[in-house]
Amino acid sequence: IEFVQEPAALQNQFASDHWLQHFLEWRLPKAQFEKAKIELERFAVRVGPEMMDLAQQAEAQEPRLVQFDAWGRRIDKIEMSPAWDKLAAIAAEEGIVAEGYERSLGGFSRLYQLAKLYLYHPSSAVFSCPLAMTDGAARILEVLAPKEIKSRALTRLTSRDPKQFWTSGQWMTEKTGGSDVSETSTVARQKGDHFELSGIKWFTSSVTSQMALALGRIEGASEGSKGLSLFYLETHRPDGSLNNIRVLRLKNKLGTKALPTAELELDGVPAQLLGEPGQGVKNIATMLNITRLYNSVCATAQMRRGLALWEDFSQKRIVFGKPMAKHPLYQETFGVHLTNFVTCLALTLTVAELLGKEECNEASQEDTVLLRFLTPLVKLYTGKHSIWTMSEVLEGFGGTGYLEDSGLPVLFRDAQVFPIWEGPTNVLSLDVLRVLQKSEAWEVMKKDIEAQLSAIKSKELQVVAETARARLGQVDSYLTAMKSASLEDWQAQARTLSLVLSELYSGVKLISWADWGVGQKSGSFPQSLATVASEFWKRPNTTLRPPQDSLYRTLKI
């Protein structure tokens, strides 16, 4: 009989994810956790075959741009897979965005909402990207929009009715630069009670959305980022035609193939100013905080999906006379990436909780500072680890992992977007540097870490905490020594420093989580978590290089 390898299969992605369950049990009040557990386990059934089949269909039928109709009229219609629209409907029905604004769990609403996104993303063909921009736009409208825009748009962005639900685009990137928006050339001309936007938007995802938020420069405004303003616009007229927008082309990307990303020409698009003139970059930061957190949730969820498939496969694949899962080298390799994933999960959900507290006015001043500091850190940290883990997952499946019809390469290709979208690692590292230099962020983080480590009760974890405390001292001494360094030296070390800070804070959070779990004395899982925390702190730390030893100085490229 011919041998046929049994493929990897997924169990219920909430019921089998003890890491997510345990973190939510730690952070949520008991009654809220029990309610959330029932709802998330139900939803996890839906993200299985139902959504996975839709995602495959959406990937197979990529967006198609039809620029002209049969009579030569310019229509710029983007044809989407019906499966893409069904994934949008599921997002609305399940309240992936709405949960964050209904705030039924008070300050814990964001934590619960983003746990739901974590389940949704890996089966969504990256419809999570439009949801990120939709959520970010909803928050900006909630804070800045006049009553009439809130009534028309905010209610749709947060609707659970698929027929009413809108998504939003985020139009910032232009030819002159990606993360550097200071060279934005889109012009905003005032026409009575509104503005008209004209210019080229170079990289616009979620291009089929019903609305967008865009940066533009009001005629006569100063150059640079201080002259930019934020605008609300609707992409289509009442008859369904594009609203003075031309789609120049769809981008041919490495991954996220089902997601339509386009190059647009704006030719007098009607728009409404949001907030004060010249405050566009400051105002868009509200959106970026949310989209960067979405990016982190999705990167972590991608890791979880890959590891779940790899773990299942390892129990079915017989190599050298026994299941791959029984080989010590597999266990060592898998354990490294499991530890990475758990650490990313702890950091990501911590930031989600902080965001929820801030939005419900439950955050302390220190919480707010910590949220601002951790947001770029969690995005850069999870983005990098997601690619590394997904590469190892493909390798773990051998040659089959390289085959498109295994469904694995798409997970790897799509992971590459995480360290790029919403700011690549270097740009985020410079953002971290600005926070360090303009606020008491490090003092707040240090105080928080010291409090967490002082609260550890488990004797086993107190030993681990001493290792973390020693690392805290090293980082503090390094930052003290760097106070006299030049701006160029700070910038050269910004990336390394950002990774060190991410490791430090997430590793300490891991100890606190494990200590709580051990204190519960329920089952074997808490001990597994304690082992992960211990293993994390046995690893070599990222090296902090003094300025005189930096590659920037020694190579002189």
Protein backbone atom coordinates (compact mmCIF):
# COMPACT_ATOMS: atom_id res chain seq x y z
CA ILE A 1 0.00 0.00 0.00
CA GLU A 2 1.37 3.39 -1.01
CA PHE A 3 2.25 5.63 1.92
CA VAL A 4 0.41 8.94 2.17
CA GLN A 5 1.44 11.38 4.87
CA GLU A 6 -1.40 12.56 7.08
CA PRO A 7 -1.40 16.38 6.93
CA ALA A 8 -1.43 18.76 9.87
CA ALA A 9 -4.84 19.68 11.23
CA LEU A 10 -6.10 22.39 13.53
CA GLN A 11 -8.11 21.92 16.69
CA ASN A 12 -10.38 24.64 18.07
CA GLN A 13 -7.99 27.58 18.10
CA PHE A 14 -9.18 28.89 21.44
CA ALA A 15 -9.79 25.65 23.33
CA SER A 16 -6.34 24.37 22.33
CA ASP A 17 -4.56 27.66 23.02
CA HIS A 18 -3.80 27.38 26.72
CA TRP A 19 -1.50 30.40 26.52
CA LEU A 20 -4.26 32.77 25.42
CA GLN A 21 -6.78 31.26 27.84
CA HIS A 22 -4.44 31.53 30.78
CA PHE A 23 -3.45 35.13 30.07
CA LEU A 24 -7.10 36.18 29.85
CA GLU A 25 -7.86 34.31 33.07
CA TRP A 26 -5.02 36.23 34.72
CA ARG A 27 -6.11 39.67 33.60
CA LEU A 28 -9.91 39.54 33.38
CA PRO A 29 -12.25 39.58 36.39
CA LYS A 30 -13.62 36.08 36.95
CA ALA A 31 -17.16 36.72 35.66
CA GLN A 32 -15.85 38.50 32.56
CA PHE A 33 -13.38 35.71 31.88
CA GLU A 34 -16.04 33.00 32.06
CA LYS A 35 -18.25 34.93 29.64
CA ALA A 36 -15.33 35.65 27.29
CA LYS A 37 -14.21 32.02 27.36
CA ILE A 38 -17.60 30.77 26.11
CA GLU A 39 -17.78 33.41 23.38
CA LEU A 40 -14.20 32.92 22.15
CA GLU A 41 -14.53 29.15 22.02
CA ARG A 42 -17.70 29.56 19.94
CA PHE A 43 -16.00 32.03 17.62
CA ALA A 44 -12.97 29.75 17.24
CA VAL A 45 -15.24 27.18 15.59
CA ARG A 46 -16.03 29.76 12.94
CA VAL A 47 -12.41 30.63 12.25
CA GLY A 48 -11.84 26.96 11.42
CA PRO A 49 -13.16 25.43 8.18
CA GLU A 50 -15.70 28.19 7.45
CA MET A 51 -13.24 31.07 7.40
CA MET A 52 -10.24 29.06 6.24
CA ASP A 53 -12.12 28.01 3.10
CA LEU A 54 -13.11 31.61 2.43
CA ALA A 55 -9.52 32.75 2.89
CA GLN A 56 -8.30 30.18 0.36
CA GLN A 57 -10.92 31.35 -2.13
CA ALA A 58 -9.94 34.99 -1.63
CA GLU A 59 -6.27 34.14 -2.16
CA ALA A 60 -7.08 32.19 -5.33
CA GLN A 61 -9.13 35.06 -6.83
CA GLU A 62 -6.92 38.11 -6.43
CA PRO A 63 -8.27 41.65 -6.82
CA ARG A 64 -8.58 42.76 -10.45
CA LEU A 65 -8.60 46.34 -11.71
CA VAL A 66 -10.98 47.14 -14.57
CA GLN A 67 -10.12 50.66 -15.67
CA PHE A 68 -12.57 51.06 -18.58
CA ASP A 69 -15.98 49.68 -19.48
CA ALA A 70 -16.92 48.34 -22.91
CA TRP A 71 -17.73 51.88 -24.14
CA GLY A 72 -14.42 53.39 -23.14
CA ARG A 73 -15.61 55.14 -20.00
CA ARG A 74 -13.10 55.28 -17.13
CA ILE A 75 -14.61 53.32 -14.23
CA ASP A 76 -11.59 52.06 -12.22
CA LYS A 77 -13.58 49.22 -10.69
CA ILE A 78 -11.75 46.78 -8.45
CA GLU A 79 -13.32 43.34 -8.67
CA MET A 80 -13.04 41.34 -5.49
CA SER A 81 -13.63 37.69 -4.67
CA PRO A 82 -17.08 37.07 -3.15
CA ALA A 83 -15.16 35.30 -0.38
CA TRP A 84 -13.48 38.58 0.56
CA ASP A 85 -16.89 40.18 1.05
CA LYS A 86 -17.99 37.24 3.20
CA LEU A 87 -14.92 37.66 5.40
CA ALA A 88 -15.92 41.32 5.80
CA ALA A 89 -19.43 40.26 6.79
CA ILE A 90 -18.08 37.88 9.42
CA ALA A 91 -15.90 40.66 10.86
CA ALA A 92 -18.99 42.86 11.19
CA GLU A 93 -21.23 40.15 12.65
CA GLU A 94 -18.59 39.19 15.21
CA GLY A 95 -17.94 42.81 16.15
CA ILE A 96 -14.19 42.66 15.59
CA VAL A 97 -14.14 46.48 15.52
CA ALA A 98 -17.39 47.11 17.40
CA GLU A 99 -16.20 45.33 20.57
CA GLY A 100 -13.64 48.08 21.13
CA TYR A 101 -16.30 50.81 21.06
CA GLU A 102 -19.22 49.13 22.78
CA ARG A 103 -16.87 48.80 25.77
CA SER A 104 -19.03 46.20 27.46
CA LEU A 105 -16.03 45.08 29.54
CA GLY A 106 -14.99 48.60 30.50
CA GLY A 107 -11.23 48.99 30.58
CA PHE A 108 -10.78 45.34 29.59
CA SER A 109 -12.75 45.76 26.35
CA ARG A 110 -9.66 46.20 24.18
CA LEU A 111 -8.05 43.11 25.68
CA TYR A 112 -11.11 41.02 24.84
CA GLN A 113 -11.57 42.62 21.41
CA LEU A 114 -7.96 42.00 20.38
CA ALA A 115 -8.10 38.43 21.65
CA LYS A 116 -10.93 38.02 19.17
CA LEU A 117 -8.84 39.62 16.42
CA TYR A 118 -6.03 37.19 17.33
CA LEU A 119 -8.36 34.30 16.50
CA TYR A 120 -9.77 35.98 13.38
CA HIS A 121 -6.58 37.10 11.64
CA PRO A 122 -4.88 33.83 10.53
CA SER A 123 -8.08 32.73 8.75
CA SER A 124 -8.95 36.12 7.24
CA ALA A 125 -6.74 36.41 4.13
CA VAL A 126 -5.48 39.56 5.92
CA PHE A 127 -8.86 41.26 6.03
CA SER A 128 -7.43 42.19 9.42
CA CYS A 129 -5.59 45.01 7.60
CA PRO A 130 -8.76 46.93 6.61
CA LEU A 131 -10.05 46.27 10.12
CA ALA A 132 -6.94 47.87 11.62
CA MET A 133 -7.42 51.05 9.62
CA THR A 134 -11.14 51.00 10.32
CA ASP A 135 -10.56 50.77 14.05
CA GLY A 136 -7.95 53.53 13.94
CA ALA A 137 -10.27 55.76 11.92
CA ALA A 138 -13.13 55.07 14.32
CA ARG A 139 -11.03 56.25 17.25
CA ILE A 140 -10.03 59.44 15.44
CA LEU A 141 -13.65 60.19 14.51
CA GLU A 142 -14.72 59.46 18.07
CA VAL A 143 -12.21 62.02 19.37
CA LEU A 144 -12.13 64.66 16.61
CA ALA A 145 -15.12 64.46 14.26
CA PRO A 146 -18.11 66.81 14.37
CA LYS A 147 -21.49 65.35 15.21
CA GLU A 148 -22.65 64.94 11.60
CA ILE A 149 -19.59 62.87 10.60
CA LYS A 150 -19.90 60.75 13.73
CA SER A 151 -23.53 60.09 12.95
CA ARG A 152 -22.83 59.15 9.34
CA ALA A 153 -19.47 57.39 9.49
CA LEU A 154 -18.59 56.34 13.04
CA THR A 155 -21.84 54.43 13.42
CA ARG A 156 -21.00 52.46 10.27
CA LEU A 157 -17.37 51.77 11.16
CA THR A 158 -18.55 50.22 14.44
CA SER A 159 -21.68 48.49 13.11
CA ARG A 160 -22.37 44.76 13.50
CA ASP A 161 -24.71 44.80 10.48
CA PRO A 162 -22.78 43.69 7.35
CA LYS A 163 -25.10 45.82 5.19
CA GLN A 164 -24.25 48.94 7.21
CA PHE A 165 -20.61 48.17 8.04
CA TRP A 166 -17.94 50.41 6.49
CA THR A 167 -14.19 50.01 6.39
CA SER A 168 -11.72 52.88 6.14
CA GLY A 169 -8.53 53.51 4.25
CA GLN A 170 -5.48 55.32 5.60
CA TRP A 171 -3.89 57.48 2.92
CA MET A 172 -0.51 58.84 3.95
CA THR A 173 2.24 57.27 1.83
CA GLU A 174 3.43 59.22 -1.21
CA LYS A 175 6.22 58.84 -3.78
CA THR A 176 8.53 61.12 -1.84
CA GLY A 177 8.68 58.76 1.14
CA GLY A 178 6.93 56.15 3.22
CA SER A 179 7.35 56.76 6.92
CA ASP A 180 8.67 60.29 6.29
CA VAL A 181 5.41 62.11 5.65
CA SER A 182 7.03 65.56 5.89
CA GLU A 183 7.37 65.67 2.09
CA THR A 184 3.65 65.07 1.49
CA SER A 185 2.66 66.88 -1.70
CA THR A 186 -1.12 66.35 -1.66
CA VAL A 187 -2.70 69.81 -1.78
CA ALA A 188 -5.91 70.76 0.03
CA ARG A 189 -7.78 73.69 -1.51
CA GLN A 190 -10.68 75.22 0.37
CA LYS A 191 -13.99 75.31 -1.51
CA GLY A 192 -16.68 76.92 0.57
CA ASP A 193 -17.37 74.75 3.62
CA HIS A 194 -15.07 71.91 2.55
CA PHE A 195 -11.69 71.16 0.99
CA GLU A 196 -10.66 69.41 -2.22
CA LEU A 197 -7.62 67.12 -2.18
CA SER A 198 -5.33 66.66 -5.18
CA GLY A 199 -2.21 64.51 -5.37
CA ILE A 200 -0.85 60.97 -5.65
CA LYS A 201 -1.18 58.46 -2.83
CA TRP A 202 1.45 55.84 -3.56
CA PHE A 203 0.50 52.91 -1.32
CA THR A 204 -3.11 52.64 -0.18
CA SER A 205 -4.34 49.38 1.28
CA SER A 206 -8.04 48.71 1.82
CA VAL A 207 -8.66 50.66 -1.37
CA THR A 208 -12.22 49.35 -1.71
CA SER A 209 -13.25 51.02 1.56
CA GLN A 210 -16.13 53.46 1.70
CA MET A 211 -14.10 56.22 3.35
CA ALA A 212 -10.53 57.20 4.15
CA LEU A 213 -8.48 59.50 6.33
CA ALA A 214 -5.78 61.35 4.41
CA LEU A 215 -2.96 63.77 5.08
CA GLY A 216 -2.75 66.88 2.93
CA ARG A 217 -1.18 70.34 2.94
CA ILE A 218 -3.58 73.27 2.90
CA GLU A 219 -2.57 75.84 0.29
CA GLY A 220 -0.15 78.30 1.84
CA ALA A 221 0.72 76.05 4.80
CA SER A 222 4.34 75.70 5.87
CA GLU A 223 6.62 73.00 4.52
CA GLY A 224 7.43 69.85 6.49
CA SER A 225 5.26 67.82 8.80
CA LYS A 226 4.03 70.88 10.74
CA GLY A 227 2.12 72.06 7.68
CA LEU A 228 0.06 68.89 7.29
CA SER A 229 -3.60 68.51 8.19
CA LEU A 230 -5.90 65.51 8.51
CA PHE A 231 -8.98 65.06 6.32
CA TYR A 232 -12.05 62.83 6.17
CA LEU A 233 -13.30 61.80 2.73
CA GLU A 234 -15.74 59.36 1.19
CA THR A 235 -14.45 57.34 -1.71
CA HIS A 236 -17.65 57.01 -3.76
CA ARG A 237 -20.50 59.22 -4.88
CA PRO A 238 -24.11 58.20 -4.13
CA ASP A 239 -24.32 56.54 -7.59
CA GLY A 240 -21.37 54.26 -6.72
CA SER A 241 -18.78 55.94 -8.97
CA LEU A 242 -15.42 56.98 -7.57
CA ASN A 243 -15.38 60.44 -6.05
CA ASN A 244 -12.75 62.22 -8.22
CA ILE A 245 -10.35 59.34 -7.61
CA ARG A 246 -8.43 57.42 -10.28
CA VAL A 247 -6.89 54.02 -9.58
CA LEU A 248 -3.58 54.09 -11.44
CA ARG A 249 -2.68 50.48 -10.69
CA LEU A 250 -2.88 47.69 -8.15
CA LYS A 251 0.37 46.86 -6.42
CA ASN A 252 1.94 43.48 -7.17
CA LYS A 253 3.10 42.48 -3.68
CA LEU A 254 5.16 39.64 -2.23
CA GLY A 255 2.26 38.61 -0.01
CA THR A 256 -1.16 39.77 1.22
CA LYS A 257 -2.39 38.89 -2.28
CA ALA A 258 -6.11 38.97 -1.46
CA LEU A 259 -5.80 42.48 -0.04
CA PRO A 260 -6.24 45.23 -2.67
CA THR A 261 -3.45 47.79 -2.44
CA ALA A 262 -3.38 50.57 -4.99
CA GLU A 263 -1.73 53.70 -6.30
CA LEU A 264 -4.32 56.49 -6.42
CA GLU A 265 -4.59 59.88 -8.07
CA LEU A 266 -6.79 62.35 -6.20
CA ASP A 267 -8.22 65.07 -8.43
CA GLY A 268 -10.27 67.42 -6.29
CA VAL A 269 -11.67 64.86 -3.87
CA PRO A 270 -14.19 66.52 -1.50
CA ALA A 271 -12.93 66.29 2.09
CA GLN A 272 -13.62 67.62 5.57
CA LEU A 273 -10.89 68.90 7.89
CA LEU A 274 -10.53 66.93 11.13
CA GLY A 275 -9.02 68.77 14.05
CA GLU A 276 -6.98 71.94 13.78
CA PRO A 277 -5.02 72.88 10.63
CA GLY A 278 -1.38 71.83 10.83
CA GLN A 279 -2.07 69.15 13.44
CA GLY A 280 -2.38 66.26 10.97
CA VAL A 281 0.68 64.29 12.05
CA LYS A 282 -0.22 64.66 15.72
CA ASN A 283 -3.81 63.60 15.04
CA ILE A 284 -2.90 60.63 12.85
CA ALA A 285 -0.77 59.29 15.72
CA THR A 286 -4.00 58.21 17.40
CA MET A 287 -4.69 55.98 14.42
CA LEU A 288 -1.12 54.68 14.25
CA ASN A 289 -1.20 53.56 17.87
CA ILE A 290 -4.15 51.31 17.06
CA THR A 291 -2.92 50.04 13.70
CA ARG A 292 0.50 49.23 15.18
CA LEU A 293 -1.16 47.24 17.94
CA TYR A 294 -3.28 45.41 15.36
CA ASN A 295 -0.05 44.63 13.51
CA SER A 296 1.39 43.16 16.71
CA VAL A 297 -1.69 41.05 17.41
CA CYS A 298 -1.68 39.70 13.86
CA ALA A 299 2.06 38.97 13.90
CA THR A 300 1.65 37.03 17.14
CA ALA A 301 -1.44 35.23 15.83
CA GLN A 302 0.50 34.23 12.71
CA MET A 303 3.15 32.68 14.92
CA ARG A 304 0.51 30.80 16.88
CA ARG A 305 -1.12 29.39 13.73
CA GLY A 306 2.20 28.22 12.32
CA LEU A 307 3.26 26.60 15.60
CA ALA A 308 -0.12 24.89 16.00
CA LEU A 309 0.25 23.31 12.56
CA TRP A 310 3.88 22.35 13.16
CA GLU A 311 3.11 20.79 16.54
CA ASP A 312 0.29 18.70 15.12
CA PHE A 313 2.42 17.60 12.16
CA SER A 314 5.31 16.63 14.42
CA GLN A 315 3.11 14.05 16.12
CA LYS A 316 2.11 12.50 12.78
CA ARG A 317 5.38 12.58 10.87
CA ILE A 318 7.56 9.50 11.53
CA VAL A 319 11.28 10.14 11.04
CA PHE A 320 14.10 7.78 11.97
CA GLY A 321 11.65 5.34 13.49
CA LYS A 322 9.62 7.62 15.76
CA PRO A 323 7.39 10.68 15.62
CA MET A 324 9.28 13.90 15.00
CA ALA A 325 7.83 15.24 18.28
CA LYS A 326 9.83 12.62 20.20
CA HIS A 327 13.20 13.82 18.89
CA PRO A 328 15.15 16.02 21.34
CA LEU A 329 16.40 18.32 18.57
CA TYR A 330 12.85 19.01 17.40
CA GLN A 331 11.79 19.71 20.98
CA GLU A 332 14.68 22.13 21.41
CA THR A 333 13.96 23.94 18.13
CA PHE A 334 10.23 24.10 18.71
CA GLY A 335 10.78 25.25 22.29
CA VAL A 336 12.79 28.27 21.14
CA HIS A 337 9.95 29.48 18.95
CA LEU A 338 7.26 28.58 21.44
CA THR A 339 9.09 30.78 23.95
CA ASN A 340 9.29 33.59 21.40
CA PHE A 341 5.57 33.32 20.73
CA VAL A 342 4.55 33.29 24.40
CA THR A 343 6.74 36.32 25.09
CA CYS A 344 5.23 38.21 22.15
CA LEU A 345 1.74 37.26 23.34
CA ALA A 346 2.41 38.57 26.84
CA LEU A 347 3.75 41.88 25.55
CA THR A 348 0.99 42.35 22.97
CA LEU A 349 -1.90 41.66 25.31
CA THR A 350 -0.35 43.87 27.97
CA VAL A 351 -0.38 46.79 25.54
CA ALA A 352 -3.96 45.91 24.57
CA GLU A 353 -4.97 46.15 28.21
CA LEU A 354 -3.23 49.50 28.62
CA LEU A 355 -5.02 50.89 25.55
CA GLY A 356 -8.38 49.81 26.92
CA LYS A 357 -7.70 51.45 30.26
CA GLU A 358 -6.65 54.70 28.61
CA GLU A 359 -9.74 54.86 26.39
CA CYS A 360 -12.02 54.31 29.37
CA ASN A 361 -10.21 56.91 31.49
CA GLU A 362 -8.99 54.21 33.87
CA ALA A 363 -5.28 54.66 33.16
CA SER A 364 -2.87 56.37 35.50
CA GLN A 365 -0.39 58.91 34.16
CA GLU A 366 2.27 56.19 34.33
CA ASP A 367 0.04 53.81 32.35
CA THR A 368 -0.31 56.41 29.60
CA VAL A 369 3.44 56.97 29.40
CA LEU A 370 4.03 53.23 29.33
CA LEU A 371 1.45 52.76 26.56
CA ARG A 372 3.17 55.38 24.40
CA PHE A 373 6.57 53.77 25.03
CA LEU A 374 5.50 50.16 24.49
CA THR A 375 3.48 50.69 21.30
CA PRO A 376 6.45 51.02 18.90
CA LEU A 377 8.38 48.42 20.90
CA VAL A 378 5.71 45.73 20.64
CA LYS A 379 5.25 46.37 16.93
CA LEU A 380 8.92 46.04 16.02
CA TYR A 381 9.52 43.09 18.38
CA THR A 382 6.59 40.95 17.24
CA GLY A 383 7.13 41.76 13.57
CA LYS A 384 10.69 40.46 13.60
CA HIS A 385 9.87 37.33 15.58
CA SER A 386 6.95 36.45 13.33
CA ILE A 387 9.15 36.14 10.25
CA TRP A 388 11.76 34.07 12.06
CA THR A 389 9.18 31.69 13.47
CA MET A 390 7.27 31.29 10.20
CA SER A 391 10.51 30.51 8.36
CA GLU A 392 11.25 27.75 10.88
CA VAL A 393 7.70 26.41 10.57
CA LEU A 394 8.10 25.95 6.82
CA GLU A 395 11.45 24.27 7.38
CA GLY A 396 9.83 21.99 9.96
CA PHE A 397 7.55 20.58 7.26
CA GLY A 398 10.46 19.86 4.96
CA GLY A 399 9.85 20.03 1.21
CA THR A 400 6.10 20.01 1.65
CA GLY A 401 6.35 23.27 3.55
CA TYR A 402 7.71 24.86 0.37
CA LEU A 403 4.74 23.76 -1.74
CA GLU A 404 2.02 26.34 -2.37
CA ASP A 405 -0.82 23.85 -2.14
CA SER A 406 0.23 22.91 1.40
CA GLY A 407 -1.11 26.31 2.48
CA LEU A 408 2.11 27.10 4.37
CA PRO A 409 4.05 29.49 2.08
CA VAL A 410 1.25 32.06 2.27
CA LEU A 411 1.75 32.25 6.05
CA PHE A 412 5.43 32.99 5.54
CA ARG A 413 4.93 35.53 2.73
CA ASP A 414 2.25 37.39 4.64
CA ALA A 415 4.43 37.52 7.77
CA GLN A 416 6.96 39.66 5.90
CA VAL A 417 4.54 42.58 5.94
CA PHE A 418 4.54 42.85 9.73
CA PRO A 419 7.94 44.55 10.14
CA ILE A 420 7.20 46.85 7.16
CA TRP A 421 3.61 48.06 7.43
CA GLU A 422 3.02 50.98 9.83
CA GLY A 423 6.71 51.72 10.15
CA PRO A 424 9.75 49.46 9.57
CA THR A 425 11.98 48.50 12.46
CA ASN A 426 14.45 51.38 12.06
CA VAL A 427 11.71 54.02 11.90
CA LEU A 428 10.04 52.59 14.99
CA SER A 429 13.38 52.51 16.78
CA LEU A 430 13.80 56.23 16.13
CA ASP A 431 10.29 56.73 17.51
CA VAL A 432 11.37 54.86 20.65
CA LEU A 433 14.38 57.17 20.86
CA ARG A 434 12.15 60.27 20.70
CA VAL A 435 10.00 58.94 23.52
CA LEU A 436 13.10 58.22 25.61
CA GLN A 437 14.50 61.70 25.09
CA LYS A 438 11.29 63.70 25.47
CA SER A 439 9.63 62.00 28.43
CA GLU A 440 10.23 60.10 31.64
CA ALA A 441 9.45 56.85 29.81
CA TRP A 442 12.48 54.94 31.03
CA GLU A 443 11.95 55.97 34.65
CA VAL A 444 8.31 54.88 34.40
CA MET A 445 9.25 51.55 32.83
CA LYS A 446 12.02 50.94 35.36
CA LYS A 447 9.67 51.63 38.27
CA ASP A 448 7.05 49.30 36.79
CA ILE A 449 9.61 46.51 36.28
CA GLU A 450 10.94 46.88 39.83
CA ALA A 451 7.40 46.65 41.21
CA GLN A 452 6.67 43.51 39.20
CA LEU A 453 9.89 41.80 40.28
CA SER A 454 9.40 42.72 43.93
CA ALA A 455 5.96 41.09 43.89
CA ILE A 456 7.18 37.64 42.78
CA LYS A 457 6.24 34.98 45.36
CA SER A 458 7.35 31.69 43.80
CA LYS A 459 10.83 30.68 45.03
CA GLU A 460 11.67 29.22 41.61
CA LEU A 461 10.68 32.44 39.87
CA GLN A 462 12.41 34.64 42.43
CA VAL A 463 15.67 33.17 41.13
CA VAL A 464 14.62 34.08 37.58
CA ALA A 465 13.61 37.53 38.80
CA GLU A 466 17.14 38.11 40.09
CA THR A 467 18.47 37.52 36.58
CA ALA A 468 15.95 40.02 35.24
CA ARG A 469 16.86 42.51 37.97
CA ALA A 470 20.52 42.26 37.00
CA ARG A 471 19.61 42.94 33.38
CA LEU A 472 17.54 45.93 34.46
CA GLY A 473 20.63 47.31 36.18
CA GLN A 474 22.74 46.81 33.05
CA VAL A 475 20.22 48.62 30.87
CA ASP A 476 19.89 51.46 33.38
CA SER A 477 23.67 51.87 33.55
CA TYR A 478 23.89 51.84 29.76
CA LEU A 479 21.24 54.55 29.41
CA THR A 480 22.99 56.64 32.05
CA ALA A 481 26.29 56.34 30.19
CA MET A 482 24.62 57.24 26.91
CA LYS A 483 23.37 60.59 28.24
CA SER A 484 26.58 62.24 27.06
CA ALA A 485 26.50 60.53 23.63
CA SER A 486 25.87 62.46 20.42
CA LEU A 487 22.55 62.28 18.59
CA GLU A 488 24.24 60.25 15.84
CA ASP A 489 25.48 57.69 18.39
CA TRP A 490 22.00 57.44 19.93
CA GLN A 491 20.50 56.88 16.49
CA ALA A 492 23.09 54.24 15.59
CA GLN A 493 22.14 52.26 18.72
CA ALA A 494 18.39 52.88 18.55
CA ARG A 495 17.52 49.55 16.94
CA THR A 496 19.59 47.44 19.35
CA LEU A 497 18.31 49.43 22.31
CA SER A 498 14.70 48.96 21.19
CA LEU A 499 15.14 45.20 20.98
CA VAL A 500 16.79 45.16 24.40
CA LEU A 501 13.94 47.13 25.96
CA SER A 502 11.38 44.85 24.29
CA GLU A 503 13.14 41.75 25.62
CA LEU A 504 13.47 43.20 29.09
CA TYR A 505 9.87 44.30 29.56
CA SER A 506 8.24 41.29 27.90
CA GLY A 507 10.50 38.91 29.84
CA VAL A 508 9.54 40.53 33.14
CA LYS A 509 5.87 40.40 32.21
CA LEU A 510 6.38 36.69 31.52
CA ILE A 511 7.72 36.19 35.06
CA SER A 512 4.75 38.03 36.59
CA TRP A 513 2.29 36.00 34.55
CA ALA A 514 3.99 32.71 35.47
CA ASP A 515 4.12 33.67 39.15
CA TRP A 516 0.37 34.27 39.15
CA GLY A 517 -0.18 30.93 37.44
CA VAL A 518 1.95 28.98 39.89
CA GLY A 519 0.05 30.63 42.73
CA GLN A 520 -3.23 29.27 41.36
CA LYS A 521 -2.05 25.66 41.89
CA SER A 522 -4.32 24.40 39.11
CA GLY A 523 -3.10 21.71 36.71
CA SER A 524 0.24 21.34 34.94
CA PHE A 525 0.00 24.36 32.64
CA PRO A 526 1.26 26.99 35.12
CA GLN A 527 4.45 24.98 35.57
CA SER A 528 4.90 24.90 31.77
CA LEU A 529 4.57 28.68 31.77
CA ALA A 530 7.11 28.97 34.59
CA THR A 531 9.48 26.82 32.55
CA VAL A 532 9.06 29.08 29.53
CA ALA A 533 9.79 32.13 31.69
CA SER A 534 12.88 30.46 33.10
CA GLU A 535 14.11 29.42 29.65
CA PHE A 536 13.63 32.93 28.31
CA TRP A 537 15.98 34.32 30.94
CA LYS A 538 18.63 31.64 30.33
CA ARG A 539 19.16 32.95 26.80
CA PRO A 540 21.99 35.31 25.88
CA ASN A 541 20.78 38.90 25.87
CA THR A 542 21.00 41.20 22.88
CA THR A 543 24.37 42.95 23.17
CA LEU A 544 24.40 46.61 24.15
CA ARG A 545 27.26 48.18 22.21
CA PRO A 546 28.93 51.33 23.50
CA PRO A 547 29.10 54.08 20.86
CA GLN A 548 32.81 53.65 20.24
CA ASP A 549 32.23 50.00 19.23
CA SER A 550 29.31 50.63 16.89
CA LEU A 551 29.44 49.52 13.28
CA TYR A 552 28.45 53.03 12.34
CA ARG A 553 31.83 54.21 13.63
CA THR A 554 34.07 51.24 12.82
CA LEU A 555 32.92 50.45 9.26
CA LYS A 556 32.42 54.04 8.14
CA ILE A 557 30.19 52.90 5.27
